[in-house]
Amino acid sequence: MAKRSFLDIFTQVWIFIFGTSAMWLISRPETWGFWGFPLGLIGQPAWYYTTVKKKQWGIAALSIFYTYSWIQGIWLKFLPYVNSN
């Protein structure tokens, strides 16, 4: 079994923390659930690093769509609420 580098472990933890937090928040009925969209976007660089390093091009393409979706959520849900208060 190959030894995993610190950066590999760090990116996996990054993906776990921001991915699970984002999904939990956007599924909440409370008004503060929109914070999940920026958290999801923060997790995307770790996805790109991991998929390019491991040459997982299908997941890399999916990550591009996820990035678009997180940005769309920020634009449609996060910014209107933040700007109205």
C-alpha atoms as a PDB file:
ATOM      1  CA  MET A   1       0.000   0.000   0.000  1.00  0.00           C
ATOM      2  CA  ALA A   2       1.430   3.357  -1.027  1.00  0.00           C
ATOM      3  CA  LYS A   3       2.085   5.943   1.622  1.00  0.00           C
ATOM      4  CA  ARG A   4      -0.244   8.929   1.355  1.00  0.00           C
ATOM      5  CA  SER A   5       1.227  12.407   1.409  1.00  0.00           C
ATOM      6  CA  PHE A   6       0.174  15.107   3.829  1.00  0.00           C
ATOM      7  CA  LEU A   7      -1.369  17.074   0.956  1.00  0.00           C
ATOM      8  CA  ASP A   8      -3.484  14.083  -0.116  1.00  0.00           C
ATOM      9  CA  ILE A   9      -4.801  13.639   3.418  1.00  0.00           C
ATOM     10  CA  PHE A  10      -5.347  17.385   3.809  1.00  0.00           C
ATOM     11  CA  THR A  11      -7.403  17.613   0.606  1.00  0.00           C
ATOM     12  CA  GLN A  12      -9.542  14.636   1.620  1.00  0.00           C
ATOM     13  CA  VAL A  13     -10.275  16.267   4.990  1.00  0.00           C
ATOM     14  CA  TRP A  14     -10.990  19.562   3.179  1.00  0.00           C
ATOM     15  CA  ILE A  15     -13.449  17.840   0.849  1.00  0.00           C
ATOM     16  CA  PHE A  16     -15.153  16.082   3.758  1.00  0.00           C
ATOM     17  CA  ILE A  17     -15.520  19.175   5.951  1.00  0.00           C
ATOM     18  CA  PHE A  18     -16.743  21.589   3.300  1.00  0.00           C
ATOM     19  CA  GLY A  19     -18.742  19.071   1.260  1.00  0.00           C
ATOM     20  CA  THR A  20     -20.728  17.659   4.163  1.00  0.00           C
ATOM     21  CA  SER A  21     -21.227  21.092   5.742  1.00  0.00           C
ATOM     22  CA  ALA A  22     -22.480  22.532   2.463  1.00  0.00           C
ATOM     23  CA  MET A  23     -24.929  19.715   1.813  1.00  0.00           C
ATOM     24  CA  TRP A  24     -26.235  19.789   5.378  1.00  0.00           C
ATOM     25  CA  LEU A  25     -26.748  23.553   5.290  1.00  0.00           C
ATOM     26  CA  ILE A  26     -28.526  23.767   1.929  1.00  0.00           C
ATOM     27  CA  SER A  27     -30.927  21.029   2.988  1.00  0.00           C
ATOM     28  CA  ARG A  28     -31.979  22.972   6.089  1.00  0.00           C
ATOM     29  CA  PRO A  29     -35.329  24.825   6.060  1.00  0.00           C
ATOM     30  CA  GLU A  30     -33.963  27.752   8.080  1.00  0.00           C
ATOM     31  CA  THR A  31     -33.013  30.981   6.328  1.00  0.00           C
ATOM     32  CA  TRP A  32     -29.325  30.550   7.216  1.00  0.00           C
ATOM     33  CA  GLY A  33     -29.125  27.433   5.063  1.00  0.00           C
ATOM     34  CA  PHE A  34     -27.919  29.524   2.123  1.00  0.00           C
ATOM     35  CA  TRP A  35     -24.459  29.550   3.741  1.00  0.00           C
ATOM     36  CA  GLY A  36     -24.016  26.093   2.243  1.00  0.00           C
ATOM     37  CA  PHE A  37     -23.429  27.545  -1.211  1.00  0.00           C
ATOM     38  CA  PRO A  38     -20.234  29.456  -0.344  1.00  0.00           C
ATOM     39  CA  LEU A  39     -18.985  26.510   1.715  1.00  0.00           C
ATOM     40  CA  GLY A  40     -19.515  24.196  -1.239  1.00  0.00           C
ATOM     41  CA  LEU A  41     -17.572  26.539  -3.485  1.00  0.00           C
ATOM     42  CA  ILE A  42     -14.715  26.699  -0.963  1.00  0.00           C
ATOM     43  CA  GLY A  43     -14.395  22.923  -1.235  1.00  0.00           C
ATOM     44  CA  GLN A  44     -13.999  22.897  -5.012  1.00  0.00           C
ATOM     45  CA  PRO A  45     -10.233  23.573  -5.245  1.00  0.00           C
ATOM     46  CA  ALA A  46      -9.602  20.391  -3.264  1.00  0.00           C
ATOM     47  CA  TRP A  47     -11.741  18.451  -5.733  1.00  0.00           C
ATOM     48  CA  TYR A  48      -9.780  19.883  -8.668  1.00  0.00           C
ATOM     49  CA  TYR A  49      -6.430  19.092  -7.070  1.00  0.00           C
ATOM     50  CA  THR A  50      -7.424  15.521  -6.259  1.00  0.00           C
ATOM     51  CA  THR A  51      -9.023  14.716  -9.591  1.00  0.00           C
ATOM     52  CA  VAL A  52      -6.166  16.136 -11.662  1.00  0.00           C
ATOM     53  CA  LYS A  53      -3.507  14.478  -9.512  1.00  0.00           C
ATOM     54  CA  LYS A  54      -5.239  11.097  -9.736  1.00  0.00           C
ATOM     55  CA  LYS A  55      -6.204  11.634 -13.409  1.00  0.00           C
ATOM     56  CA  GLN A  56      -9.897  11.080 -12.744  1.00  0.00           C
ATOM     57  CA  TRP A  57     -11.174  13.087 -15.682  1.00  0.00           C
ATOM     58  CA  GLY A  58     -14.833  12.149 -15.317  1.00  0.00           C
ATOM     59  CA  ILE A  59     -14.901  13.416 -11.751  1.00  0.00           C
ATOM     60  CA  ALA A  60     -12.986  16.519 -12.869  1.00  0.00           C
ATOM     61  CA  ALA A  61     -15.732  17.232 -15.417  1.00  0.00           C
ATOM     62  CA  LEU A  62     -18.348  16.669 -12.731  1.00  0.00           C
ATOM     63  CA  SER A  63     -16.465  19.101 -10.472  1.00  0.00           C
ATOM     64  CA  ILE A  64     -16.788  21.781 -13.143  1.00  0.00           C
ATOM     65  CA  PHE A  65     -20.557  21.304 -13.112  1.00  0.00           C
ATOM     66  CA  TYR A  66     -20.567  21.391  -9.295  1.00  0.00           C
ATOM     67  CA  THR A  67     -18.619  24.645  -9.352  1.00  0.00           C
ATOM     68  CA  TYR A  68     -21.194  26.128 -11.720  1.00  0.00           C
ATOM     69  CA  SER A  69     -23.981  24.900  -9.427  1.00  0.00           C
ATOM     70  CA  TRP A  70     -22.401  26.371  -6.287  1.00  0.00           C
ATOM     71  CA  ILE A  71     -21.923  29.717  -8.067  1.00  0.00           C
ATOM     72  CA  GLN A  72     -25.524  29.632  -9.261  1.00  0.00           C
ATOM     73  CA  GLY A  73     -26.663  29.005  -5.673  1.00  0.00           C
ATOM     74  CA  ILE A  74     -24.585  31.927  -4.446  1.00  0.00           C
ATOM     75  CA  TRP A  75     -26.003  34.169  -7.175  1.00  0.00           C
ATOM     76  CA  LEU A  76     -29.646  33.154  -6.733  1.00  0.00           C
ATOM     77  CA  LYS A  77     -29.925  32.350  -3.015  1.00  0.00           C
ATOM     78  CA  PHE A  78     -26.992  33.769  -1.061  1.00  0.00           C
ATOM     79  CA  LEU A  79     -26.444  37.235  -2.557  1.00  0.00           C
ATOM     80  CA  PRO A  80     -30.102  38.318  -2.686  1.00  0.00           C
ATOM     81  CA  TYR A  81     -30.559  37.463   0.988  1.00  0.00           C
ATOM     82  CA  VAL A  82     -27.288  39.087   2.093  1.00  0.00           C
ATOM     83  CA  ASN A  83     -27.975  42.224   0.053  1.00  0.00           C
ATOM     84  CA  SER A  84     -31.532  42.574   1.388  1.00  0.00           C
ATOM     85  CA  ASN A  85     -30.376  42.748   5.027  1.00  0.00           C
END
